[in-house]
Amino acid sequence: MNILCGYNVNIDSVYRISGAEISELLMAFERTEILEKIRNPPGKILSASDFVAGLAYCMKNGCGAEWLVFEKSVFEFLKNRYFQKSLVRMGGNAGIMANALSEIGARVVPNVAVPSKTQLSLFSKKAVYFPDAPLQIEEEPEKEKLKTESGKNTYDKYNTRNTHASFSSQDPIHFVFDFSEGETFSLYGTEIRVPRENRFIATCDHLNFRLFTSSAFEDYALKHAEEMDGALISGFHLLLEIYPDGSTYKEILENSFSQLKAWKAKNKRLRIHVEFGHFASREIANSVFSKFAGISGSIGMNEDELSMFNNLHGVPAKGLSNMEAEAVGRAACKLASLHGLGTLFIHTREFVLAVFKPDTENSDESEISENWVKGKWDNKENPVILKAARKKLDAIGFGLKCAGAYAASGRLEGREFVEKEALKLEESRFGREQLEFFLTAFNGTTCGQGAFALIEGYMLCILPTLLCKSPITTVGLGDTLTAGTFLRGLELDVQA
C-alpha cells in the first residue's frame, strides 16, 4: 500500500525536569514578574520568563499545556540549555503515523518541513520515501552528537537552510518537559508539591503551524496521486486564529482543501483520513470539520476532542470525558450525520468506537448501501451487514494490537512482532463493561470480541482496547492506532 502522510512532522526534545532544577531556574528570574505570570498565564512565549512561568504554573497545578515560542532568542535558550540532555524522538502526528505505517508494511511518502539530518534520522528505515532526497540540506561542518530514542548517535545542525522553505531555516522542535507527581520545589520561599504527573511543552514550530508543505512533496503527491492508496492528514489542531503577519487559519484551510481536492480529482479511489487533535479554539475545530467532512472518507479524534463539538452534537461533556459508550456513540452519530461523513473514529484509552456508513464505492457492500438509502438497514442478521461489521472490527482490532505492542515495547517491528506482543496484553475491563452498556443502549449485537449496532442510518462498532501494566511509552498511541486501523482497512478493501 502506498500512503501519503501530511502535514506535521517535527522533533520532540523530551526532558524530565526535577523540583531542584525548577527551583534553581526560578531564582534566575525576577520574583514579581514570574508570580504575576503564574497568576495570569500569557499562554505564549515571548521571553525566557514566559517559559519559566509556564513551566512553574503547570508543575504547581499538575496540569499540561503547550505554548508556542515566538522569539528566536528563547529557542536558543531552550536548545542550548536542554537539547543535548534530552531524549530526541520523532514528533508530530504525521511523523509518528509515517513510522508506524512503514514498520507494519506500507510504503510511505511523508511531508517534511525541514529535512535536517536529525529529523530524517528519526524516520523508520524500512519503507519511507522522501521525494526531495537529492535536495536535502547539506550538513554544516560543525556537528554535535545527540541521544536519540533508538539509542544511536546522530547529528544536529545549527542554522540549516531548507531548500523548500525560504521563510524558516529552524528545525521544528517541541521542547517537552515531563514532571513527576510528588516532586517538590521552592516558589520563592513557598514549598510546592507537584499534585500529578504531566508535561509542559514549549513549541518552536512555525512551519507546521501553517501546515507548510515542501514543493517536492506537493509535486510528488500530485504527479503520483493515481498510484496512492491512501492519505493520512493531520496537524489542523496546530492552526492559529491569527498569525503574526495578519493572515488567518482560513486561508491555510483553503490551500489544504485545494490540495486534497486535486489529489481526489486524479484518483477518485484515494482514501483520505483526517486525524484531529486538541484545537486552540472551537471555531477552528468547527471550521476544519465542516470543511473536510465531505472530502475525507474518515475523521479520527479522542473523547476530549469529541466533547469540543458539544455545541453541534448536544451531548454533555461529562459523559464523554468519562468514556461512557452510550454518550460517545450518540455524540459521534450526530456529529457524523451533520455533514454526511462516511466514518468517524473515536479512540479512547478504554475502547474504540467507529460510526460509519457502508462504502458506496465498494462493490461487495453495494447491497447494504442500497438498503441504507432505502432505510432498510435494521436487519442485523443480514450477511452483508455482518460482513461490514466484521471488516470494520478487524481493522480496528489490528490498530489496537499495533498501539498495544508499541505501548508495551516502545517499538514496532513488523506484523509478526505486533501479533506476538499483542498476546501479552490484557483487554480493558472498563472497555468490556462499556461494550455491555453499548449492547443495551443501542440494542446491539456481539461480533467476535466486539459489538455493532444500527442507529439513525449509521452502523456503530465498538471494541475494547488492549492494555499493558507497565507501558514503555504513552506518547503516539492514538496515532499508532490510527495508522494500523487505516492500513488494515485499505488492505481489506483491496481483498474484497
Protein backbone atom coordinates (compact mmCIF):
# COMPACT_ATOMS: atom_id res chain seq x y z
CA MET A 1 0.00 0.00 0.00
CA ASN A 2 1.23 3.49 -0.91
CA ILE A 3 0.26 6.20 1.57
CA LEU A 4 0.88 9.94 1.74
CA CYS A 5 1.43 11.44 5.22
CA GLY A 6 0.99 15.16 5.94
CA TYR A 7 1.38 17.63 7.42
CA ASN A 8 3.09 17.86 10.80
CA VAL A 9 6.48 16.23 11.25
CA ASN A 10 8.74 17.62 13.96
CA ILE A 11 11.40 16.79 16.53
CA ASP A 12 10.41 16.13 20.14
CA SER A 13 13.06 17.02 22.70
CA VAL A 14 11.87 15.29 25.87
CA TYR A 15 13.38 16.24 29.22
CA ARG A 16 12.25 15.18 32.70
CA ILE A 17 12.73 18.17 34.97
CA SER A 18 13.19 17.85 38.73
CA GLY A 19 11.99 20.05 41.54
CA ALA A 20 15.56 21.08 42.31
CA GLU A 21 16.08 22.24 38.72
CA ILE A 22 12.94 24.38 38.56
CA SER A 23 13.84 25.89 41.96
CA GLU A 24 17.25 26.90 40.62
CA LEU A 25 15.76 28.19 37.37
CA LEU A 26 13.19 30.36 39.18
CA MET A 27 15.92 32.07 41.19
CA ALA A 28 17.47 33.37 37.96
CA PHE A 29 14.35 35.45 37.23
CA GLU A 30 12.67 38.39 38.90
CA ARG A 31 10.20 37.22 41.57
CA THR A 32 7.42 39.75 40.91
CA GLU A 33 7.40 39.14 37.16
CA ILE A 34 7.23 35.34 37.48
CA LEU A 35 4.49 35.35 40.14
CA GLU A 36 2.37 37.74 38.06
CA LYS A 37 2.71 35.48 35.02
CA ILE A 38 1.78 32.44 37.11
CA ARG A 39 -1.35 34.28 38.28
CA ASN A 40 -2.16 35.39 34.71
CA PRO A 41 -0.56 32.88 32.33
CA PRO A 42 0.32 34.54 29.00
CA GLY A 43 -0.40 31.36 27.02
CA LYS A 44 2.51 32.03 24.65
CA ILE A 45 6.25 32.54 24.98
CA LEU A 46 7.80 35.86 24.07
CA SER A 47 10.61 35.72 26.64
CA ALA A 48 12.51 33.24 28.79
CA SER A 49 10.47 34.41 31.79
CA ASP A 50 7.26 33.39 29.97
CA PHE A 51 8.69 29.89 29.59
CA VAL A 52 9.74 29.63 33.24
CA ALA A 53 6.38 30.93 34.45
CA GLY A 54 4.51 28.48 32.21
CA LEU A 55 6.56 25.54 33.45
CA ALA A 56 6.14 26.58 37.10
CA TYR A 57 2.39 27.10 36.61
CA CYS A 58 1.94 23.60 35.18
CA MET A 59 4.06 21.96 37.88
CA LYS A 60 2.24 23.89 40.62
CA ASN A 61 -1.18 22.80 39.34
CA GLY A 62 -0.27 19.39 37.91
CA CYS A 63 -1.73 20.41 34.54
CA GLY A 64 -0.47 20.12 30.99
CA ALA A 65 -0.09 22.90 28.42
CA GLU A 66 1.55 23.70 25.10
CA TRP A 67 2.70 27.25 24.39
CA LEU A 68 4.15 28.50 21.12
CA VAL A 69 7.57 30.20 21.23
CA PHE A 70 7.62 33.42 19.19
CA GLU A 71 11.18 34.60 19.86
CA LYS A 72 14.33 33.04 18.40
CA SER A 73 16.32 34.05 21.50
CA VAL A 74 14.07 31.80 23.60
CA PHE A 75 14.56 28.96 21.11
CA GLU A 76 18.32 29.34 21.50
CA PHE A 77 17.96 29.47 25.30
CA LEU A 78 15.99 26.20 25.35
CA LYS A 79 18.19 24.44 22.82
CA ASN A 80 21.46 25.40 24.47
CA ARG A 81 20.22 24.52 27.96
CA TYR A 82 18.25 21.30 27.37
CA PHE A 83 18.58 19.79 23.88
CA GLN A 84 21.79 17.85 24.40
CA LYS A 85 20.42 16.39 27.67
CA SER A 86 17.06 15.40 26.16
CA LEU A 87 15.66 12.26 24.61
CA VAL A 88 15.23 13.19 20.96
CA ARG A 89 12.44 11.38 19.15
CA MET A 90 10.03 11.66 16.24
CA GLY A 91 7.26 14.15 16.88
CA GLY A 92 4.12 15.25 15.09
CA ASN A 93 1.10 13.13 14.18
CA ALA A 94 2.21 12.70 10.57
CA GLY A 95 5.74 11.68 11.58
CA ILE A 96 4.54 9.12 14.12
CA MET A 97 1.96 7.68 11.72
CA ALA A 98 4.51 7.51 8.90
CA ASN A 99 6.88 5.47 11.08
CA ALA A 100 4.12 3.13 12.22
CA LEU A 101 2.91 2.54 8.67
CA SER A 102 6.41 1.83 7.42
CA GLU A 103 7.06 -0.70 10.17
CA ILE A 104 3.83 -2.64 9.50
CA GLY A 105 4.12 -2.93 5.75
CA ALA A 106 3.16 0.26 3.90
CA ARG A 107 5.28 2.42 1.61
CA VAL A 108 5.07 5.94 2.99
CA VAL A 109 5.71 9.36 1.47
CA PRO A 110 5.81 11.98 4.26
CA ASN A 111 5.89 15.75 4.10
CA VAL A 112 8.97 17.03 5.97
CA ALA A 113 9.07 20.76 6.62
CA VAL A 114 12.79 20.85 7.46
CA PRO A 115 14.64 17.72 6.23
CA SER A 116 17.62 18.11 8.54
CA LYS A 117 19.93 15.25 9.46
CA THR A 118 18.37 15.00 12.91
CA GLN A 119 14.82 14.97 11.57
CA LEU A 120 15.48 12.39 8.85
CA SER A 121 17.35 10.12 11.26
CA LEU A 122 14.17 9.71 13.30
CA PHE A 123 12.22 8.09 10.47
CA SER A 124 11.77 4.35 10.04
CA LYS A 125 14.42 2.79 7.82
CA LYS A 126 12.03 0.30 6.23
CA ALA A 127 9.82 1.94 3.60
CA VAL A 128 9.81 5.73 3.86
CA TYR A 129 10.41 7.66 0.64
CA PHE A 130 11.49 11.31 0.63
CA PRO A 131 10.70 12.98 -2.71
CA ASP A 132 13.30 15.68 -2.09
CA ALA A 133 16.12 13.30 -1.10
CA PRO A 134 18.59 14.70 -3.69
CA LEU A 135 17.81 18.22 -2.46
CA GLN A 136 18.14 17.60 1.25
CA ILE A 137 20.06 20.20 3.21
CA GLU A 138 23.80 19.72 3.29
CA GLU A 139 25.28 19.32 6.73
CA GLU A 140 27.17 22.13 8.36
CA PRO A 141 30.82 21.26 9.11
CA GLU A 142 30.18 21.54 12.86
CA LYS A 143 28.23 18.57 14.20
CA GLU A 144 27.16 17.61 17.66
CA LYS A 145 26.22 14.14 18.84
CA LEU A 146 22.74 13.65 20.23
CA LYS A 147 20.96 10.99 22.21
CA THR A 148 18.01 9.63 20.22
CA GLU A 149 15.16 7.33 21.17
CA SER A 150 16.77 4.48 19.24
CA GLY A 151 19.90 4.89 21.37
CA LYS A 152 22.05 5.55 18.30
CA ASN A 153 24.21 8.61 17.81
CA THR A 154 23.15 11.06 15.16
CA TYR A 155 23.99 14.67 14.47
CA ASP A 156 22.30 18.03 14.73
CA LYS A 157 22.99 21.11 12.68
CA TYR A 158 22.50 24.71 13.58
CA ASN A 159 21.38 27.37 11.12
CA THR A 160 20.47 24.97 8.30
CA ARG A 161 18.74 26.21 5.17
CA ASN A 162 15.62 24.43 3.95
CA THR A 163 15.70 24.37 0.17
CA HIS A 164 11.90 24.48 0.07
CA ALA A 165 11.10 26.92 2.88
CA SER A 166 12.54 30.36 2.32
CA PHE A 167 10.89 31.83 5.40
CA SER A 168 12.27 29.44 8.03
CA SER A 169 15.56 27.61 8.50
CA GLN A 170 14.91 26.44 12.03
CA ASP A 171 14.35 22.82 12.97
CA PRO A 172 10.78 22.44 14.27
CA ILE A 173 11.44 21.38 17.86
CA HIS A 174 8.86 20.75 20.57
CA PHE A 175 10.59 21.01 23.94
CA VAL A 176 8.63 18.61 26.15
CA PHE A 177 9.19 18.97 29.90
CA ASP A 178 7.86 15.98 31.81
CA PHE A 179 7.47 16.28 35.57
CA SER A 180 6.56 13.72 38.20
CA GLU A 181 3.93 13.65 40.90
CA GLY A 182 5.38 14.34 44.33
CA GLU A 183 8.33 16.46 43.14
CA THR A 184 8.82 19.50 45.38
CA PHE A 185 10.24 22.89 44.50
CA SER A 186 10.60 26.31 46.06
CA LEU A 187 8.48 29.07 44.56
CA TYR A 188 10.43 31.96 46.07
CA GLY A 189 10.29 30.51 49.57
CA THR A 190 6.95 28.67 49.30
CA GLU A 191 7.31 24.90 49.01
CA ILE A 192 5.21 23.45 46.19
CA ARG A 193 4.46 19.76 45.78
CA VAL A 194 3.51 18.65 42.25
CA PRO A 195 -0.01 17.13 42.57
CA ARG A 196 0.16 14.88 39.50
CA GLU A 197 2.42 13.86 36.64
CA ASN A 198 2.08 15.91 33.46
CA ARG A 199 4.06 17.92 30.92
CA PHE A 200 4.67 21.44 29.67
CA ILE A 201 5.58 21.89 26.00
CA ALA A 202 7.38 24.90 24.59
CA THR A 203 6.89 24.64 20.84
CA CYS A 204 9.22 26.23 18.28
CA ASP A 205 7.45 25.16 15.13
CA HIS A 206 6.19 27.96 12.90
CA LEU A 207 6.14 25.93 9.68
CA ASN A 208 3.84 23.19 10.93
CA PHE A 209 1.57 25.79 12.50
CA ARG A 210 0.95 26.92 8.93
CA LEU A 211 0.61 23.35 7.57
CA PHE A 212 3.66 24.03 5.41
CA THR A 213 4.33 21.52 2.61
CA SER A 214 7.56 21.32 0.69
CA SER A 215 7.31 21.89 -3.05
CA ALA A 216 8.87 18.44 -3.56
CA PHE A 217 6.10 16.77 -1.56
CA GLU A 218 3.40 18.79 -3.31
CA ASP A 219 4.76 17.97 -6.77
CA TYR A 220 5.25 14.29 -5.99
CA ALA A 221 1.80 13.86 -4.43
CA LEU A 222 0.05 15.44 -7.39
CA LYS A 223 2.12 13.64 -10.00
CA HIS A 224 1.74 10.22 -8.34
CA ALA A 225 -1.77 10.57 -6.89
CA GLU A 226 -3.06 7.76 -9.11
CA GLU A 227 -0.53 5.36 -7.56
CA MET A 228 -1.57 6.18 -4.00
CA ASP A 229 -3.99 4.07 -1.98
CA GLY A 230 -4.48 6.47 0.90
CA ALA A 231 -3.53 9.71 2.59
CA LEU A 232 -3.29 10.32 6.33
CA ILE A 233 -3.63 14.04 7.03
CA SER A 234 -3.13 15.72 10.41
CA GLY A 235 -1.90 18.91 12.05
CA PHE A 236 -5.02 21.08 11.75
CA HIS A 237 -5.16 21.40 15.54
CA LEU A 238 -1.95 23.44 15.37
CA LEU A 239 -3.63 26.28 13.45
CA LEU A 240 -3.81 29.75 14.98
CA GLU A 241 -6.74 32.13 14.58
CA ILE A 242 -4.44 34.99 13.57
CA TYR A 243 -0.75 34.82 12.64
CA PRO A 244 1.90 37.48 13.32
CA ASP A 245 1.70 38.67 9.69
CA GLY A 246 -2.06 39.25 9.98
CA SER A 247 -3.13 36.19 7.96
CA THR A 248 -5.70 33.73 9.35
CA TYR A 249 -6.20 29.97 9.51
CA LYS A 250 -8.99 30.23 6.93
CA GLU A 251 -6.50 30.91 4.14
CA ILE A 252 -4.47 27.89 5.18
CA LEU A 253 -7.58 25.68 5.21
CA GLU A 254 -8.44 26.77 1.69
CA ASN A 255 -4.96 25.87 0.47
CA SER A 256 -5.10 22.45 2.12
CA PHE A 257 -8.58 21.76 0.81
CA SER A 258 -7.50 22.65 -2.74
CA GLN A 259 -4.54 20.29 -2.40
CA LEU A 260 -6.65 17.34 -1.27
CA LYS A 261 -9.27 18.13 -3.90
CA ALA A 262 -6.58 17.98 -6.60
CA TRP A 263 -5.44 14.56 -5.35
CA LYS A 264 -9.01 13.25 -5.42
CA ALA A 265 -9.51 14.61 -8.93
CA LYS A 266 -6.54 12.50 -10.05
CA ASN A 267 -7.63 9.42 -8.09
CA LYS A 268 -11.26 9.06 -7.04
CA ARG A 269 -10.46 5.89 -5.10
CA LEU A 270 -7.90 7.64 -2.89
CA ARG A 271 -8.88 7.18 0.76
CA ILE A 272 -8.27 10.28 2.87
CA HIS A 273 -8.32 10.16 6.68
CA VAL A 274 -8.07 13.37 8.69
CA GLU A 275 -6.81 12.99 12.27
CA PHE A 276 -7.77 15.70 14.75
CA GLY A 277 -6.03 16.92 17.90
CA HIS A 278 -6.62 19.42 20.68
CA PHE A 279 -7.67 22.62 18.90
CA ALA A 280 -6.87 26.08 20.21
CA SER A 281 -10.47 27.17 19.70
CA ARG A 282 -13.89 25.70 18.99
CA GLU A 283 -14.22 27.99 15.98
CA ILE A 284 -11.18 26.46 14.28
CA ALA A 285 -12.33 22.92 15.15
CA ASN A 286 -15.78 23.52 13.68
CA SER A 287 -14.30 25.09 10.56
CA VAL A 288 -11.98 22.15 9.94
CA PHE A 289 -14.74 19.60 10.48
CA SER A 290 -17.24 21.30 8.18
CA LYS A 291 -14.59 21.91 5.52
CA PHE A 292 -13.11 18.42 5.36
CA ALA A 293 -16.02 16.13 6.27
CA GLY A 294 -17.04 15.96 2.63
CA ILE A 295 -13.69 15.28 1.00
CA SER A 296 -12.26 12.91 3.65
CA GLY A 297 -13.63 9.41 3.95
CA SER A 298 -12.98 9.36 7.67
CA ILE A 299 -12.07 11.58 10.61
CA GLY A 300 -10.49 10.48 13.90
CA MET A 301 -10.38 12.03 17.36
CA ASN A 302 -10.39 11.14 21.06
CA GLU A 303 -13.18 11.67 23.60
CA ASP A 304 -11.87 15.08 24.74
CA GLU A 305 -11.78 16.33 21.17
CA LEU A 306 -15.30 14.96 20.61
CA SER A 307 -16.53 16.96 23.61
CA MET A 308 -15.29 20.17 21.94
CA PHE A 309 -18.09 19.69 19.40
CA ASN A 310 -20.88 19.50 22.01
CA ASN A 311 -22.37 22.67 20.53
CA LEU A 312 -23.05 20.56 17.41
CA HIS A 313 -23.97 17.16 18.84
CA GLY A 314 -25.55 18.34 22.10
CA VAL A 315 -24.19 15.50 24.29
CA PRO A 316 -22.89 16.75 27.69
CA ALA A 317 -19.11 16.73 28.03
CA LYS A 318 -19.19 14.78 31.31
CA GLY A 319 -20.38 11.54 29.73
CA LEU A 320 -17.75 11.86 27.01
CA SER A 321 -14.85 12.61 29.35
CA ASN A 322 -15.96 9.64 31.49
CA MET A 323 -15.73 7.48 28.35
CA GLU A 324 -19.34 6.31 28.52
CA ALA A 325 -20.03 4.28 25.38
CA GLU A 326 -23.63 5.45 25.02
CA ALA A 327 -22.65 9.13 25.23
CA VAL A 328 -19.74 8.64 22.82
CA GLY A 329 -21.92 6.69 20.38
CA ARG A 330 -24.74 9.23 20.32
CA ALA A 331 -22.37 12.20 20.02
CA ALA A 332 -20.42 10.53 17.21
CA CYS A 333 -23.60 9.62 15.29
CA LYS A 334 -24.95 13.14 15.49
CA LEU A 335 -21.63 14.73 14.53
CA ALA A 336 -21.11 12.39 11.57
CA SER A 337 -24.64 12.92 10.27
CA LEU A 338 -24.30 16.74 10.25
CA HIS A 339 -22.23 16.67 7.06
CA GLY A 340 -22.81 13.11 5.88
CA LEU A 341 -19.35 11.96 6.99
CA GLY A 342 -18.59 8.40 5.90
CA THR A 343 -16.70 7.30 9.02
CA LEU A 344 -15.91 8.83 12.40
CA PHE A 345 -13.41 7.06 14.69
CA ILE A 346 -13.39 7.86 18.40
CA HIS A 347 -10.38 6.36 20.17
CA THR A 348 -10.30 6.42 23.96
CA ARG A 349 -7.95 4.75 26.40
CA GLU A 350 -10.52 2.03 27.13
CA PHE A 351 -12.29 1.39 23.81
CA VAL A 352 -12.56 2.44 20.17
CA LEU A 353 -15.93 3.29 18.69
CA ALA A 354 -16.48 3.75 14.94
CA VAL A 355 -19.58 5.25 13.35
CA PHE A 356 -19.85 4.67 9.62
CA LYS A 357 -21.98 4.28 6.53
CA PRO A 358 -21.23 1.49 4.05
CA ASP A 359 -18.77 2.38 1.33
CA THR A 360 -20.75 3.02 -1.83
CA GLU A 361 -17.55 2.68 -3.90
CA ASN A 362 -17.03 -0.87 -2.67
CA SER A 363 -18.88 -3.42 -4.79
CA ASP A 364 -19.20 -6.05 -2.05
CA GLU A 365 -21.19 -3.54 0.01
CA SER A 366 -23.46 -2.36 -2.81
CA GLU A 367 -26.42 -4.29 -1.40
CA ILE A 368 -26.09 -2.83 2.08
CA SER A 369 -25.53 0.64 0.60
CA GLU A 370 -28.75 0.34 -1.38
CA ASN A 371 -30.65 -0.77 1.72
CA TRP A 372 -29.18 2.16 3.65
CA VAL A 373 -30.52 4.59 1.08
CA LYS A 374 -33.95 2.96 1.24
CA GLY A 375 -33.93 2.93 5.04
CA LYS A 376 -33.91 -0.88 5.19
CA TRP A 377 -30.88 -1.12 7.42
CA ASP A 378 -32.38 -2.70 10.53
CA ASN A 379 -31.81 -6.39 9.73
CA LYS A 380 -28.76 -7.24 11.82
CA GLU A 381 -28.83 -10.84 10.60
CA ASN A 382 -28.23 -9.77 7.01
CA PRO A 383 -24.95 -11.48 5.94
CA VAL A 384 -23.80 -8.33 4.16
CA ILE A 385 -24.32 -6.25 7.30
CA LEU A 386 -22.44 -8.82 9.36
CA LYS A 387 -19.61 -8.77 6.84
CA ALA A 388 -19.38 -4.97 7.03
CA ALA A 389 -19.24 -5.11 10.85
CA ARG A 390 -16.59 -7.83 10.86
CA LYS A 391 -14.43 -5.91 8.40
CA LYS A 392 -14.55 -2.72 10.44
CA LEU A 393 -13.82 -4.58 13.70
CA ASP A 394 -10.96 -6.44 12.00
CA ALA A 395 -9.34 -3.14 11.01
CA ILE A 396 -9.83 -1.63 14.48
CA GLY A 397 -8.55 -4.80 16.12
CA PHE A 398 -5.31 -4.65 14.18
CA GLY A 399 -4.90 -0.97 15.05
CA LEU A 400 -5.37 -1.81 18.73
CA LYS A 401 -2.72 -4.54 18.53
CA CYS A 402 -0.29 -2.05 16.98
CA ALA A 403 -0.95 0.55 19.69
CA GLY A 404 -0.72 -2.05 22.47
CA ALA A 405 2.51 -3.54 21.12
CA TYR A 406 4.01 -0.06 20.81
CA ALA A 407 2.98 0.87 24.36
CA ALA A 408 4.45 -2.34 25.78
CA SER A 409 7.73 -2.32 23.86
CA GLY A 410 8.27 1.21 22.57
CA ARG A 411 8.69 -0.08 19.01
CA LEU A 412 7.04 -1.79 16.04
CA GLU A 413 8.98 -4.37 14.07
CA GLY A 414 6.61 -5.88 11.56
CA ARG A 415 3.36 -7.82 11.65
CA GLU A 416 4.77 -10.89 13.35
CA PHE A 417 6.21 -8.76 16.14
CA VAL A 418 2.86 -6.96 16.62
CA GLU A 419 0.91 -10.22 16.83
CA LYS A 420 3.40 -11.72 19.28
CA GLU A 421 3.41 -8.68 21.56
CA ALA A 422 -0.38 -8.42 21.45
CA LEU A 423 -0.67 -11.87 23.06
CA LYS A 424 0.89 -10.42 26.23
CA LEU A 425 -1.70 -7.66 26.54
CA GLU A 426 -4.91 -7.60 28.56
CA GLU A 427 -8.27 -6.38 27.36
CA SER A 428 -9.51 -3.26 29.12
CA ARG A 429 -12.01 -4.27 31.80
CA PHE A 430 -13.62 -0.86 31.68
CA GLY A 431 -13.83 -1.16 27.89
CA ARG A 432 -15.55 -4.55 28.22
CA GLU A 433 -18.05 -3.07 30.70
CA GLN A 434 -18.79 -0.23 28.29
CA LEU A 435 -19.34 -2.74 25.49
CA GLU A 436 -22.05 -4.34 27.60
CA PHE A 437 -23.66 -0.92 28.18
CA PHE A 438 -23.38 -0.31 24.42
CA LEU A 439 -25.32 -3.52 23.69
CA THR A 440 -28.17 -2.40 25.96
CA ALA A 441 -28.24 1.26 24.90
CA PHE A 442 -28.26 0.59 21.15
CA ASN A 443 -29.86 -2.88 21.03
CA GLY A 444 -26.52 -4.09 19.73
CA THR A 445 -25.16 -7.46 18.64
CA THR A 446 -21.88 -9.10 19.65
CA CYS A 447 -19.42 -9.79 16.85
CA GLY A 448 -16.19 -11.57 17.82
CA GLN A 449 -14.55 -9.59 20.64
CA GLY A 450 -16.54 -6.51 19.71
CA ALA A 451 -20.11 -5.48 19.01
CA PHE A 452 -22.12 -3.47 16.50
CA ALA A 453 -25.46 -1.70 16.32
CA LEU A 454 -27.57 0.12 13.75
CA ILE A 455 -28.90 3.57 14.55
CA GLU A 456 -30.01 6.66 12.65
CA GLY A 457 -28.70 5.44 9.31
CA TYR A 458 -25.29 4.52 10.70
CA MET A 459 -23.55 1.37 11.87
CA LEU A 460 -21.70 1.63 15.19
CA CYS A 461 -18.86 -0.73 16.08
CA ILE A 462 -17.07 -0.92 19.44
CA LEU A 463 -14.01 -2.84 20.59
CA PRO A 464 -12.19 -2.70 23.96
CA THR A 465 -8.56 -1.63 23.89
CA LEU A 466 -5.56 -3.79 24.77
CA LEU A 467 -3.54 -2.58 27.76
CA CYS A 468 -0.23 -3.44 29.40
CA LYS A 469 0.50 -2.98 33.11
CA SER A 470 3.79 -1.09 32.66
CA PRO A 471 3.86 0.79 29.34
CA ILE A 472 7.22 1.85 27.95
CA THR A 473 5.56 4.85 26.31
CA THR A 474 2.16 6.53 26.22
CA VAL A 475 3.08 9.05 23.52
CA GLY A 476 1.77 8.49 19.99
CA LEU A 477 -0.58 5.62 20.84
CA GLY A 478 -3.56 7.28 19.16
CA ASP A 479 -1.51 7.91 16.02
CA THR A 480 -0.22 4.33 16.00
CA LEU A 481 -3.76 3.01 16.42
CA THR A 482 -4.97 5.24 13.58
CA ALA A 483 -2.15 4.13 11.27
CA GLY A 484 -2.76 0.43 11.90
CA THR A 485 -6.54 0.73 11.51
CA PHE A 486 -6.23 2.79 8.32
CA LEU A 487 -3.75 0.41 6.68
CA ARG A 488 -5.72 -2.71 7.59
CA GLY A 489 -8.92 -1.09 6.29
CA LEU A 490 -7.24 -0.37 2.95
CA GLU A 491 -5.99 -3.98 2.73
CA LEU A 492 -9.44 -5.40 3.45
CA ASP A 493 -11.00 -3.21 0.78
CA VAL A 494 -8.46 -4.41 -1.78
CA GLN A 495 -9.05 -8.04 -0.80
CA ALA A 496 -12.79 -7.52 -1.22
